[in-house]
Amino acid sequence: MGDNVETGVFKTRDALRIAEEQGYDLVEISPKADPPVCKIMEYKKFLFEQKKRDKALKSKATKVTVKEIRFGPQTDEHDYEFKKKHAIKFLSDGAKLKAYVFFKGRSIIFKDQGMILLLKLAQELEEYGKVEQMPKLEGKRMIMYIAPLKKK
């Protein structure tokens, strides 16, 4: 490509010379483009604007909150219903849910009851959220994650 003042396309050495003559820097805006896109401007101003853009994007990003609900292996029906109500509220608000059964002392022998409890919860919360991770035993806890369904 030759020098073309009308379209603003220059060779690198010419662009550097022009930038120096004007007292500015030659800043590479898009290095992956073919040919790379450069702009004649102050480099510090470019960095400032880039930080400002990144900050704006970061503030718009959605933050995922994880709410926890703890059960025992022999949680009775009333407590289960009470905690299920909270789980529904958390999922409706758009938070992820971490439901776990905590096994104290020798209660680890009731692993199957913990699994049944978590699977029952997952089944009853199907219309509010989708199981992200099936119940898995980690140490003295059996953990399951449920992600909220997308709002229509």
N, C-alpha and C. Protein backbone atom coordinates (compact mmCIF):
# COMPACT_ATOMS: atom_id res chain seq x y z
N MET A 1 0.84 -1.19 0.00
CA MET A 1 0.00 0.00 0.00
C MET A 1 0.88 1.24 0.00
N GLY A 2 0.53 2.19 -0.78
CA GLY A 2 1.29 3.43 -0.82
C GLY A 2 0.71 4.43 0.16
N ASP A 3 1.38 5.58 0.25
CA ASP A 3 0.87 6.63 1.14
C ASP A 3 -0.39 7.21 0.53
N ASN A 4 -1.39 7.38 1.36
CA ASN A 4 -2.65 7.91 0.87
C ASN A 4 -3.20 8.85 1.94
N VAL A 5 -3.00 10.14 1.73
CA VAL A 5 -3.38 11.14 2.72
C VAL A 5 -4.90 11.22 2.87
N GLU A 6 -5.64 11.03 1.76
CA GLU A 6 -7.09 11.16 1.82
C GLU A 6 -7.72 10.09 2.73
N THR A 7 -7.28 8.85 2.59
CA THR A 7 -7.86 7.78 3.39
C THR A 7 -7.15 7.61 4.73
N GLY A 8 -6.00 8.24 4.90
CA GLY A 8 -5.30 8.15 6.18
C GLY A 8 -4.47 6.89 6.32
N VAL A 9 -4.15 6.20 5.22
CA VAL A 9 -3.34 4.98 5.28
C VAL A 9 -1.89 5.35 4.99
N PHE A 10 -1.01 5.02 5.95
CA PHE A 10 0.40 5.35 5.82
C PHE A 10 1.24 4.13 6.12
N LYS A 11 2.51 4.18 5.70
CA LYS A 11 3.45 3.15 6.11
C LYS A 11 3.92 3.51 7.52
N THR A 12 4.43 2.53 8.23
CA THR A 12 4.79 2.71 9.63
C THR A 12 5.79 3.84 9.84
N ARG A 13 6.86 3.88 9.05
CA ARG A 13 7.88 4.91 9.27
C ARG A 13 7.34 6.31 9.00
N ASP A 14 6.44 6.44 8.00
CA ASP A 14 5.84 7.73 7.71
C ASP A 14 4.91 8.16 8.85
N ALA A 15 4.15 7.20 9.37
CA ALA A 15 3.24 7.50 10.48
C ALA A 15 4.03 7.92 11.71
N LEU A 16 5.14 7.24 11.99
CA LEU A 16 5.99 7.62 13.13
C LEU A 16 6.55 9.03 12.95
N ARG A 17 6.98 9.34 11.72
CA ARG A 17 7.53 10.67 11.43
C ARG A 17 6.47 11.75 11.65
N ILE A 18 5.26 11.50 11.15
CA ILE A 18 4.17 12.48 11.30
C ILE A 18 3.82 12.68 12.78
N ALA A 19 3.78 11.58 13.53
CA ALA A 19 3.47 11.65 14.96
C ALA A 19 4.53 12.48 15.69
N GLU A 20 5.79 12.25 15.36
CA GLU A 20 6.88 13.01 16.00
C GLU A 20 6.80 14.49 15.65
N GLU A 21 6.49 14.79 14.40
CA GLU A 21 6.38 16.19 13.97
C GLU A 21 5.30 16.92 14.75
N GLN A 22 4.19 16.22 15.05
CA GLN A 22 3.08 16.83 15.78
C GLN A 22 3.27 16.78 17.29
N GLY A 23 4.30 16.05 17.76
CA GLY A 23 4.56 15.96 19.20
C GLY A 23 3.69 14.94 19.92
N TYR A 24 3.19 13.96 19.18
CA TYR A 24 2.36 12.91 19.76
C TYR A 24 3.04 11.55 19.63
N ASP A 25 2.32 10.52 20.09
CA ASP A 25 2.82 9.14 19.97
C ASP A 25 1.98 8.40 18.94
N LEU A 26 2.57 7.36 18.36
CA LEU A 26 1.84 6.48 17.46
C LEU A 26 1.37 5.29 18.29
N VAL A 27 0.07 5.21 18.53
CA VAL A 27 -0.49 4.19 19.42
C VAL A 27 -1.19 3.13 18.59
N GLU A 28 -0.84 1.85 18.85
CA GLU A 28 -1.45 0.73 18.14
C GLU A 28 -2.78 0.39 18.82
N ILE A 29 -3.88 0.64 18.13
CA ILE A 29 -5.21 0.44 18.68
C ILE A 29 -5.64 -1.02 18.55
N SER A 30 -5.52 -1.57 17.37
CA SER A 30 -5.96 -2.94 17.11
C SER A 30 -4.83 -3.72 16.41
N PRO A 31 -3.99 -4.42 17.19
CA PRO A 31 -2.84 -5.10 16.60
C PRO A 31 -3.22 -6.33 15.77
N LYS A 32 -4.39 -6.92 16.01
CA LYS A 32 -4.78 -8.14 15.30
C LYS A 32 -5.38 -7.87 13.92
N ALA A 33 -5.72 -6.62 13.66
CA ALA A 33 -6.30 -6.27 12.36
C ALA A 33 -5.23 -6.38 11.27
N ASP A 34 -5.67 -6.51 10.04
CA ASP A 34 -4.72 -6.59 8.93
C ASP A 34 -5.03 -5.50 7.93
N PRO A 35 -4.28 -4.45 7.79
CA PRO A 35 -3.07 -4.09 8.55
C PRO A 35 -3.44 -3.58 9.95
N PRO A 36 -2.48 -3.59 10.90
CA PRO A 36 -2.77 -3.12 12.26
C PRO A 36 -3.25 -1.67 12.27
N VAL A 37 -4.21 -1.37 13.16
CA VAL A 37 -4.77 -0.03 13.23
C VAL A 37 -3.99 0.78 14.26
N CYS A 38 -3.50 1.95 13.85
CA CYS A 38 -2.76 2.83 14.75
C CYS A 38 -3.41 4.21 14.72
N LYS A 39 -3.14 4.96 15.79
CA LYS A 39 -3.71 6.29 15.91
C LYS A 39 -2.64 7.23 16.44
N ILE A 40 -2.63 8.45 15.95
CA ILE A 40 -1.69 9.44 16.44
C ILE A 40 -2.36 10.17 17.60
N MET A 41 -1.84 9.96 18.82
CA MET A 41 -2.42 10.57 20.01
C MET A 41 -1.43 10.47 21.17
N GLU A 42 -1.81 11.02 22.31
CA GLU A 42 -0.96 10.89 23.50
C GLU A 42 -1.17 9.52 24.10
N TYR A 43 -0.07 8.81 24.40
CA TYR A 43 -0.16 7.45 24.91
C TYR A 43 -0.80 7.41 26.30
N LYS A 44 -0.48 8.37 27.16
CA LYS A 44 -1.05 8.40 28.52
C LYS A 44 -2.57 8.59 28.46
N LYS A 45 -3.02 9.42 27.52
CA LYS A 45 -4.46 9.65 27.35
C LYS A 45 -5.14 8.35 26.90
N PHE A 46 -4.47 7.62 26.01
CA PHE A 46 -4.99 6.34 25.52
C PHE A 46 -5.13 5.34 26.67
N LEU A 47 -4.10 5.25 27.53
CA LEU A 47 -4.15 4.35 28.69
C LEU A 47 -5.29 4.73 29.63
N PHE A 48 -5.45 6.04 29.87
CA PHE A 48 -6.52 6.52 30.75
C PHE A 48 -7.89 6.12 30.21
N GLU A 49 -8.11 6.34 28.92
CA GLU A 49 -9.39 6.00 28.31
C GLU A 49 -9.65 4.50 28.33
N GLN A 50 -8.58 3.71 28.14
CA GLN A 50 -8.72 2.26 28.16
C GLN A 50 -9.11 1.78 29.56
N LYS A 51 -8.48 2.34 30.60
CA LYS A 51 -8.82 1.99 31.98
C LYS A 51 -10.27 2.35 32.27
N LYS A 52 -10.70 3.52 31.78
CA LYS A 52 -12.07 4.00 31.97
C LYS A 52 -13.07 3.03 31.32
N ARG A 53 -12.74 2.57 30.10
CA ARG A 53 -13.59 1.62 29.38
C ARG A 53 -13.68 0.29 30.12
N ASP A 54 -12.52 -0.21 30.58
CA ASP A 54 -12.48 -1.48 31.30
C ASP A 54 -13.30 -1.41 32.58
N LYS A 55 -13.21 -0.27 33.28
CA LYS A 55 -13.95 -0.09 34.53
C LYS A 55 -15.46 -0.09 34.26
N ALA A 56 -15.87 0.56 33.18
CA ALA A 56 -17.29 0.62 32.82
C ALA A 56 -17.80 -0.79 32.48
N LEU A 57 -17.02 -1.57 31.74
CA LEU A 57 -17.41 -2.93 31.40
C LEU A 57 -17.50 -3.80 32.64
N LYS A 58 -16.56 -3.62 33.55
CA LYS A 58 -16.53 -4.42 34.78
C LYS A 58 -17.75 -4.12 35.65
N SER A 59 -18.15 -2.86 35.69
CA SER A 59 -19.31 -2.51 36.52
C SER A 59 -20.62 -3.05 35.93
N LYS A 60 -20.66 -3.23 34.61
CA LYS A 60 -21.86 -3.77 33.97
C LYS A 60 -21.94 -5.29 34.05
N ALA A 61 -20.81 -5.94 34.33
CA ALA A 61 -20.78 -7.40 34.39
C ALA A 61 -21.65 -7.88 35.56
N THR A 62 -22.35 -8.98 35.33
CA THR A 62 -23.22 -9.50 36.39
C THR A 62 -22.38 -10.26 37.41
N LYS A 63 -22.68 -10.02 38.65
CA LYS A 63 -21.97 -10.70 39.73
C LYS A 63 -22.83 -11.86 40.21
N VAL A 64 -22.24 -13.05 40.21
CA VAL A 64 -22.97 -14.24 40.61
C VAL A 64 -22.82 -14.42 42.12
N THR A 65 -23.96 -14.45 42.81
CA THR A 65 -23.93 -14.69 44.24
C THR A 65 -24.31 -16.15 44.49
N VAL A 66 -23.66 -16.74 45.47
CA VAL A 66 -23.94 -18.13 45.82
C VAL A 66 -24.52 -18.15 47.23
N LYS A 67 -25.73 -18.64 47.35
CA LYS A 67 -26.39 -18.77 48.65
C LYS A 67 -26.29 -20.23 49.09
N GLU A 68 -26.09 -20.43 50.39
CA GLU A 68 -25.94 -21.79 50.90
C GLU A 68 -27.13 -22.20 51.76
N ILE A 69 -27.49 -23.46 51.66
CA ILE A 69 -28.51 -24.04 52.54
C ILE A 69 -27.93 -25.34 53.09
N ARG A 70 -27.98 -25.46 54.41
CA ARG A 70 -27.37 -26.61 55.08
C ARG A 70 -28.45 -27.53 55.66
N PHE A 71 -28.28 -28.79 55.41
CA PHE A 71 -29.19 -29.81 55.95
C PHE A 71 -28.38 -30.78 56.80
N GLY A 72 -29.08 -31.49 57.67
CA GLY A 72 -28.50 -32.64 58.36
C GLY A 72 -29.02 -33.88 57.66
N PRO A 73 -28.40 -35.04 57.89
CA PRO A 73 -28.87 -36.24 57.18
C PRO A 73 -30.29 -36.64 57.59
N GLN A 74 -30.72 -36.23 58.80
CA GLN A 74 -32.06 -36.60 59.25
C GLN A 74 -32.92 -35.37 59.51
N THR A 75 -32.86 -34.40 58.58
CA THR A 75 -33.66 -33.18 58.68
C THR A 75 -35.13 -33.56 58.59
N ASP A 76 -35.93 -33.07 59.54
CA ASP A 76 -37.35 -33.42 59.53
C ASP A 76 -38.11 -32.61 58.47
N GLU A 77 -39.33 -33.00 58.21
CA GLU A 77 -40.13 -32.45 57.11
C GLU A 77 -40.36 -30.93 57.22
N HIS A 78 -40.66 -30.43 58.42
CA HIS A 78 -40.93 -29.01 58.59
C HIS A 78 -39.69 -28.17 58.26
N ASP A 79 -38.53 -28.57 58.79
CA ASP A 79 -37.29 -27.84 58.50
C ASP A 79 -36.96 -27.89 57.01
N TYR A 80 -37.19 -29.06 56.41
CA TYR A 80 -36.94 -29.23 54.99
C TYR A 80 -37.79 -28.26 54.18
N GLU A 81 -39.08 -28.18 54.48
CA GLU A 81 -39.99 -27.29 53.75
C GLU A 81 -39.59 -25.83 53.94
N PHE A 82 -39.19 -25.48 55.16
CA PHE A 82 -38.77 -24.11 55.49
C PHE A 82 -37.54 -23.73 54.66
N LYS A 83 -36.57 -24.63 54.60
CA LYS A 83 -35.35 -24.37 53.84
C LYS A 83 -35.61 -24.38 52.33
N LYS A 84 -36.55 -25.20 51.90
CA LYS A 84 -36.91 -25.25 50.48
C LYS A 84 -37.51 -23.91 50.04
N LYS A 85 -38.32 -23.31 50.95
CA LYS A 85 -38.93 -22.01 50.65
C LYS A 85 -37.84 -20.95 50.43
N HIS A 86 -36.81 -21.01 51.29
CA HIS A 86 -35.68 -20.08 51.14
C HIS A 86 -34.94 -20.33 49.83
N ALA A 87 -34.76 -21.60 49.49
CA ALA A 87 -34.08 -21.96 48.24
C ALA A 87 -34.83 -21.40 47.04
N ILE A 88 -36.15 -21.49 47.07
CA ILE A 88 -36.97 -20.96 45.97
C ILE A 88 -36.78 -19.46 45.85
N LYS A 89 -36.74 -18.77 46.99
CA LYS A 89 -36.54 -17.32 47.00
C LYS A 89 -35.17 -16.97 46.43
N PHE A 90 -34.12 -17.69 46.84
CA PHE A 90 -32.77 -17.42 46.34
C PHE A 90 -32.70 -17.61 44.83
N LEU A 91 -33.26 -18.70 44.33
CA LEU A 91 -33.21 -18.98 42.89
C LEU A 91 -34.05 -17.96 42.11
N SER A 92 -35.17 -17.53 42.67
CA SER A 92 -36.01 -16.53 42.01
C SER A 92 -35.29 -15.19 41.92
N ASP A 93 -34.45 -14.89 42.92
CA ASP A 93 -33.69 -13.64 42.92
C ASP A 93 -32.47 -13.71 41.99
N GLY A 94 -32.20 -14.89 41.41
CA GLY A 94 -31.11 -15.02 40.45
C GLY A 94 -29.80 -15.47 41.06
N ALA A 95 -29.79 -15.93 42.31
CA ALA A 95 -28.56 -16.40 42.94
C ALA A 95 -28.41 -17.90 42.73
N LYS A 96 -27.15 -18.36 42.68
CA LYS A 96 -26.90 -19.80 42.63
C LYS A 96 -27.14 -20.37 44.01
N LEU A 97 -27.45 -21.64 44.07
CA LEU A 97 -27.74 -22.28 45.35
C LEU A 97 -26.75 -23.42 45.57
N LYS A 98 -26.15 -23.41 46.76
CA LYS A 98 -25.26 -24.50 47.17
C LYS A 98 -25.97 -25.19 48.33
N ALA A 99 -26.53 -26.35 48.05
CA ALA A 99 -27.23 -27.11 49.09
C ALA A 99 -26.29 -28.22 49.53
N TYR A 100 -26.14 -28.37 50.85
CA TYR A 100 -25.27 -29.45 51.31
C TYR A 100 -25.79 -30.08 52.58
N VAL A 101 -25.45 -31.34 52.73
CA VAL A 101 -25.78 -32.11 53.93
C VAL A 101 -24.48 -32.26 54.70
N PHE A 102 -24.50 -31.84 55.96
CA PHE A 102 -23.31 -31.91 56.80
C PHE A 102 -23.43 -33.11 57.73
N PHE A 103 -22.45 -33.99 57.67
CA PHE A 103 -22.46 -35.19 58.49
C PHE A 103 -21.57 -34.97 59.71
N LYS A 104 -22.18 -34.98 60.91
CA LYS A 104 -21.42 -34.83 62.16
C LYS A 104 -21.06 -36.20 62.71
N GLY A 105 -19.88 -36.31 63.24
CA GLY A 105 -19.47 -37.54 63.92
C GLY A 105 -19.72 -38.79 63.13
N ARG A 106 -20.50 -39.71 63.73
CA ARG A 106 -20.75 -41.01 63.07
C ARG A 106 -21.93 -40.97 62.11
N SER A 107 -22.55 -39.82 61.95
CA SER A 107 -23.72 -39.73 61.05
C SER A 107 -23.33 -39.95 59.60
N ILE A 108 -22.03 -40.10 59.30
CA ILE A 108 -21.57 -40.35 57.94
C ILE A 108 -22.13 -41.67 57.41
N ILE A 109 -22.61 -42.53 58.31
CA ILE A 109 -23.20 -43.81 57.86
C ILE A 109 -24.54 -43.59 57.15
N PHE A 110 -25.09 -42.36 57.26
CA PHE A 110 -26.37 -42.05 56.60
C PHE A 110 -26.16 -41.33 55.27
N LYS A 111 -25.09 -41.69 54.55
CA LYS A 111 -24.79 -41.05 53.25
C LYS A 111 -25.96 -41.17 52.29
N ASP A 112 -26.58 -42.33 52.27
CA ASP A 112 -27.70 -42.54 51.35
C ASP A 112 -28.88 -41.63 51.67
N GLN A 113 -29.13 -41.37 52.96
CA GLN A 113 -30.22 -40.45 53.34
C GLN A 113 -29.91 -39.03 52.86
N GLY A 114 -28.64 -38.62 52.98
CA GLY A 114 -28.22 -37.30 52.50
C GLY A 114 -28.42 -37.17 51.00
N MET A 115 -28.05 -38.23 50.27
CA MET A 115 -28.20 -38.24 48.81
C MET A 115 -29.68 -38.13 48.44
N ILE A 116 -30.52 -38.90 49.12
CA ILE A 116 -31.97 -38.89 48.84
C ILE A 116 -32.54 -37.49 49.11
N LEU A 117 -32.12 -36.87 50.21
CA LEU A 117 -32.59 -35.53 50.58
C LEU A 117 -32.24 -34.51 49.50
N LEU A 118 -30.98 -34.52 49.04
CA LEU A 118 -30.56 -33.55 48.02
C LEU A 118 -31.25 -33.80 46.67
N LEU A 119 -31.40 -35.05 46.30
CA LEU A 119 -32.08 -35.36 45.04
C LEU A 119 -33.56 -34.97 45.09
N LYS A 120 -34.16 -35.16 46.26
CA LYS A 120 -35.57 -34.74 46.44
C LYS A 120 -35.67 -33.22 46.29
N LEU A 121 -34.72 -32.49 46.88
CA LEU A 121 -34.69 -31.02 46.77
C LEU A 121 -34.54 -30.62 45.30
N ALA A 122 -33.61 -31.26 44.60
CA ALA A 122 -33.38 -30.94 43.18
C ALA A 122 -34.64 -31.16 42.36
N GLN A 123 -35.32 -32.25 42.65
CA GLN A 123 -36.55 -32.57 41.90
C GLN A 123 -37.64 -31.53 42.16
N GLU A 124 -37.77 -31.09 43.43
CA GLU A 124 -38.81 -30.13 43.77
C GLU A 124 -38.48 -28.71 43.30
N LEU A 125 -37.21 -28.45 43.01
CA LEU A 125 -36.82 -27.11 42.55
C LEU A 125 -36.61 -27.05 41.03
N GLU A 126 -37.04 -28.09 40.30
CA GLU A 126 -36.84 -28.15 38.85
C GLU A 126 -37.38 -26.93 38.11
N GLU A 127 -38.51 -26.39 38.55
CA GLU A 127 -39.11 -25.26 37.83
C GLU A 127 -38.43 -23.93 38.16
N TYR A 128 -37.56 -23.91 39.17
CA TYR A 128 -36.86 -22.68 39.56
C TYR A 128 -35.39 -22.68 39.17
N GLY A 129 -34.79 -23.87 39.11
CA GLY A 129 -33.37 -23.95 38.80
C GLY A 129 -32.98 -25.29 38.23
N LYS A 130 -31.77 -25.32 37.67
CA LYS A 130 -31.25 -26.51 37.02
C LYS A 130 -30.04 -27.00 37.81
N VAL A 131 -29.93 -28.30 38.04
CA VAL A 131 -28.81 -28.85 38.79
C VAL A 131 -27.53 -28.66 37.97
N GLU A 132 -26.58 -27.98 38.58
CA GLU A 132 -25.31 -27.71 37.92
C GLU A 132 -24.30 -28.81 38.26
N GLN A 133 -24.35 -29.29 39.49
CA GLN A 133 -23.47 -30.38 39.92
C GLN A 133 -24.28 -31.33 40.80
N MET A 134 -24.29 -32.58 40.43
CA MET A 134 -25.02 -33.59 41.20
C MET A 134 -24.39 -33.75 42.58
N PRO A 135 -25.13 -34.28 43.56
CA PRO A 135 -24.57 -34.45 44.90
C PRO A 135 -23.27 -35.24 44.89
N LYS A 136 -22.27 -34.68 45.57
CA LYS A 136 -20.95 -35.29 45.61
C LYS A 136 -20.41 -35.17 47.02
N LEU A 137 -19.86 -36.23 47.55
CA LEU A 137 -19.33 -36.24 48.91
C LEU A 137 -17.93 -35.66 48.93
N GLU A 138 -17.74 -34.59 49.72
CA GLU A 138 -16.43 -33.97 49.91
C GLU A 138 -16.17 -33.90 51.40
N GLY A 139 -15.36 -34.81 51.91
CA GLY A 139 -15.08 -34.84 53.34
C GLY A 139 -16.34 -35.22 54.11
N LYS A 140 -16.79 -34.34 54.99
CA LYS A 140 -18.00 -34.62 55.78
C LYS A 140 -19.22 -33.91 55.21
N ARG A 141 -19.11 -33.42 53.98
CA ARG A 141 -20.23 -32.72 53.35
C ARG A 141 -20.59 -33.38 52.03
N MET A 142 -21.87 -33.42 51.75
CA MET A 142 -22.35 -33.85 50.44
C MET A 142 -22.93 -32.60 49.79
N ILE A 143 -22.30 -32.15 48.72
CA ILE A 143 -22.62 -30.84 48.13
C ILE A 143 -23.28 -30.99 46.76
N MET A 144 -24.25 -30.10 46.51
CA MET A 144 -24.93 -30.04 45.21
C MET A 144 -25.15 -28.57 44.86
N TYR A 145 -24.91 -28.21 43.60
CA TYR A 145 -25.12 -26.83 43.13
C TYR A 145 -26.32 -26.77 42.20
N ILE A 146 -27.13 -25.72 42.37
CA ILE A 146 -28.28 -25.50 41.50
C ILE A 146 -28.20 -24.07 40.97
N ALA A 147 -28.25 -23.93 39.63
CA ALA A 147 -28.20 -22.62 38.99
C ALA A 147 -29.62 -22.17 38.66
N PRO A 148 -29.92 -20.88 38.79
CA PRO A 148 -31.27 -20.40 38.47
C PRO A 148 -31.56 -20.50 36.98
N LEU A 149 -32.83 -20.71 36.66
CA LEU A 149 -33.23 -20.72 35.25
C LEU A 149 -33.24 -19.30 34.74
N LYS A 150 -33.00 -19.12 33.46
CA LYS A 150 -33.02 -17.78 32.85
C LYS A 150 -34.45 -17.26 32.87
N LYS A 151 -34.59 -15.96 33.15
CA LYS A 151 -35.93 -15.36 33.17
C LYS A 151 -36.40 -15.13 31.75
N LYS A 152 -37.68 -15.41 31.51
CA LYS A 152 -38.23 -15.28 30.16
C LYS A 152 -38.79 -13.91 29.94
